[in-house]
Amino acid sequence: MREAYRLNKNILVEKCIEKNIRLQIAFHYVADQELEFDVIETKIIQALTRISEKLITP
């Protein structure tokens, strides 16, 4: 999960820099079984995109 965030954090970092916002974020992974990296990465991208969209709207 850390690798998925590291590879895609620019989605959020760019918006924070643009809006001069400091943001702390944490993801907590809870599952009965390990998921494939592709599934986790897709969900991380969706989460980061949603958060960055919320930063744009007043």
N, C-alpha and C. Protein backbone atom coordinates (compact mmCIF):
# COMPACT_ATOMS: atom_id res chain seq x y z
N MET A 1 0.83 -1.19 0.00
CA MET A 1 0.00 0.00 0.00
C MET A 1 0.87 1.25 0.00
N ARG A 2 1.97 1.21 0.72
CA ARG A 2 2.87 2.37 0.73
C ARG A 2 3.40 2.67 -0.66
N GLU A 3 3.72 1.61 -1.39
CA GLU A 3 4.25 1.79 -2.75
C GLU A 3 3.20 2.40 -3.67
N ALA A 4 1.97 1.96 -3.55
CA ALA A 4 0.89 2.52 -4.36
C ALA A 4 0.71 4.01 -4.06
N TYR A 5 0.81 4.38 -2.78
CA TYR A 5 0.71 5.80 -2.42
C TYR A 5 1.91 6.58 -2.95
N ARG A 6 3.10 6.02 -2.75
CA ARG A 6 4.33 6.70 -3.17
C ARG A 6 4.31 6.98 -4.67
N LEU A 7 3.84 6.03 -5.45
CA LEU A 7 3.82 6.18 -6.90
C LEU A 7 2.76 7.16 -7.39
N ASN A 8 1.73 7.42 -6.59
CA ASN A 8 0.60 8.22 -7.06
C ASN A 8 0.31 9.45 -6.22
N LYS A 9 1.14 9.75 -5.24
CA LYS A 9 0.86 10.87 -4.36
C LYS A 9 0.88 12.22 -5.07
N ASN A 10 1.51 12.29 -6.24
CA ASN A 10 1.55 13.55 -6.98
C ASN A 10 0.16 14.06 -7.33
N ILE A 11 -0.82 13.16 -7.43
CA ILE A 11 -2.21 13.57 -7.68
C ILE A 11 -2.65 14.58 -6.62
N LEU A 12 -2.28 14.32 -5.41
CA LEU A 12 -2.69 15.16 -4.28
C LEU A 12 -1.68 16.26 -3.98
N VAL A 13 -0.41 15.96 -4.09
CA VAL A 13 0.64 16.92 -3.75
C VAL A 13 0.55 18.16 -4.62
N GLU A 14 0.32 17.99 -5.90
CA GLU A 14 0.22 19.14 -6.81
C GLU A 14 -0.90 20.09 -6.40
N LYS A 15 -2.05 19.54 -6.03
CA LYS A 15 -3.17 20.39 -5.61
C LYS A 15 -2.87 21.11 -4.30
N CYS A 16 -2.21 20.42 -3.40
CA CYS A 16 -1.87 21.04 -2.11
C CYS A 16 -0.89 22.20 -2.32
N ILE A 17 0.09 22.01 -3.18
CA ILE A 17 1.04 23.08 -3.47
C ILE A 17 0.33 24.25 -4.14
N GLU A 18 -0.53 23.93 -5.10
CA GLU A 18 -1.28 24.95 -5.83
C GLU A 18 -2.15 25.79 -4.89
N LYS A 19 -2.78 25.15 -3.91
CA LYS A 19 -3.68 25.84 -2.98
C LYS A 19 -2.97 26.27 -1.69
N ASN A 20 -1.67 26.01 -1.60
CA ASN A 20 -0.89 26.34 -0.40
C ASN A 20 -1.52 25.70 0.85
N ILE A 21 -1.78 24.41 0.75
CA ILE A 21 -2.42 23.65 1.82
C ILE A 21 -1.45 22.58 2.33
N ARG A 22 -1.37 22.46 3.65
CA ARG A 22 -0.61 21.36 4.25
C ARG A 22 -1.62 20.30 4.65
N LEU A 23 -1.33 19.07 4.31
CA LEU A 23 -2.28 18.00 4.52
C LEU A 23 -1.56 16.77 5.06
N GLN A 24 -2.11 16.20 6.11
CA GLN A 24 -1.62 14.93 6.63
C GLN A 24 -2.66 13.88 6.32
N ILE A 25 -2.21 12.75 5.84
CA ILE A 25 -3.15 11.72 5.41
C ILE A 25 -2.64 10.36 5.87
N ALA A 26 -3.57 9.49 6.19
CA ALA A 26 -3.21 8.12 6.58
C ALA A 26 -4.21 7.16 5.96
N PHE A 27 -3.73 6.03 5.54
CA PHE A 27 -4.58 4.97 5.03
C PHE A 27 -4.41 3.77 5.94
N HIS A 28 -5.51 3.16 6.26
CA HIS A 28 -5.50 1.99 7.14
C HIS A 28 -6.05 0.81 6.34
N TYR A 29 -5.24 -0.20 6.14
CA TYR A 29 -5.63 -1.37 5.34
C TYR A 29 -6.13 -2.47 6.26
N VAL A 30 -7.39 -2.85 6.08
CA VAL A 30 -7.97 -3.94 6.87
C VAL A 30 -8.64 -4.91 5.90
N ALA A 31 -8.19 -6.15 5.92
CA ALA A 31 -8.78 -7.16 5.05
C ALA A 31 -8.45 -8.54 5.60
N ASP A 32 -9.28 -9.49 5.26
CA ASP A 32 -9.03 -10.87 5.68
C ASP A 32 -7.90 -11.51 4.88
N GLN A 33 -7.72 -11.01 3.66
CA GLN A 33 -6.67 -11.55 2.80
C GLN A 33 -5.96 -10.42 2.08
N GLU A 34 -4.74 -10.70 1.62
CA GLU A 34 -3.99 -9.69 0.88
C GLU A 34 -4.57 -9.55 -0.51
N LEU A 35 -4.69 -8.31 -0.95
CA LEU A 35 -5.17 -8.04 -2.30
C LEU A 35 -3.98 -7.82 -3.23
N GLU A 36 -4.21 -7.99 -4.50
CA GLU A 36 -3.18 -7.74 -5.50
C GLU A 36 -2.82 -6.25 -5.52
N PHE A 37 -1.58 -5.98 -5.89
CA PHE A 37 -1.11 -4.60 -5.95
C PHE A 37 -1.98 -3.74 -6.86
N ASP A 38 -2.38 -4.28 -8.01
CA ASP A 38 -3.19 -3.51 -8.96
C ASP A 38 -4.51 -3.05 -8.35
N VAL A 39 -5.13 -3.89 -7.55
CA VAL A 39 -6.39 -3.54 -6.90
C VAL A 39 -6.17 -2.43 -5.88
N ILE A 40 -5.14 -2.58 -5.07
CA ILE A 40 -4.82 -1.57 -4.05
C ILE A 40 -4.47 -0.25 -4.72
N GLU A 41 -3.66 -0.30 -5.77
CA GLU A 41 -3.26 0.93 -6.45
C GLU A 41 -4.47 1.65 -7.04
N THR A 42 -5.39 0.91 -7.63
CA THR A 42 -6.60 1.52 -8.19
C THR A 42 -7.41 2.24 -7.11
N LYS A 43 -7.54 1.61 -5.96
CA LYS A 43 -8.30 2.22 -4.86
C LYS A 43 -7.58 3.43 -4.28
N ILE A 44 -6.26 3.37 -4.19
CA ILE A 44 -5.48 4.52 -3.71
C ILE A 44 -5.65 5.70 -4.68
N ILE A 45 -5.58 5.43 -5.96
CA ILE A 45 -5.76 6.49 -6.97
C ILE A 45 -7.15 7.10 -6.84
N GLN A 46 -8.17 6.27 -6.67
CA GLN A 46 -9.53 6.79 -6.50
C GLN A 46 -9.62 7.67 -5.26
N ALA A 47 -9.03 7.24 -4.17
CA ALA A 47 -9.08 8.02 -2.93
C ALA A 47 -8.35 9.35 -3.08
N LEU A 48 -7.16 9.32 -3.66
CA LEU A 48 -6.38 10.55 -3.84
C LEU A 48 -7.10 11.52 -4.78
N THR A 49 -7.72 11.00 -5.81
CA THR A 49 -8.46 11.84 -6.75
C THR A 49 -9.65 12.50 -6.06
N ARG A 50 -10.37 11.73 -5.26
CA ARG A 50 -11.52 12.30 -4.53
C ARG A 50 -11.08 13.39 -3.57
N ILE A 51 -10.01 13.16 -2.86
CA ILE A 51 -9.51 14.15 -1.91
C ILE A 51 -9.07 15.40 -2.65
N SER A 52 -8.35 15.25 -3.77
CA SER A 52 -7.88 16.42 -4.51
C SER A 52 -9.05 17.20 -5.10
N GLU A 53 -10.12 16.52 -5.51
CA GLU A 53 -11.30 17.21 -6.00
C GLU A 53 -11.98 18.02 -4.90
N LYS A 54 -11.98 17.49 -3.68
CA LYS A 54 -12.56 18.21 -2.55
C LYS A 54 -11.75 19.46 -2.22
N LEU A 55 -10.46 19.44 -2.48
CA LEU A 55 -9.63 20.62 -2.24
C LEU A 55 -9.93 21.74 -3.23
N ILE A 56 -10.37 21.36 -4.42
CA ILE A 56 -10.66 22.36 -5.46
C ILE A 56 -11.97 23.08 -5.17
N THR A 57 -12.98 22.35 -4.74
CA THR A 57 -14.29 22.96 -4.51
C THR A 57 -14.29 23.76 -3.21
N PRO A 58 -14.91 24.93 -3.23
CA PRO A 58 -14.92 25.78 -2.03
C PRO A 58 -15.82 25.24 -0.93
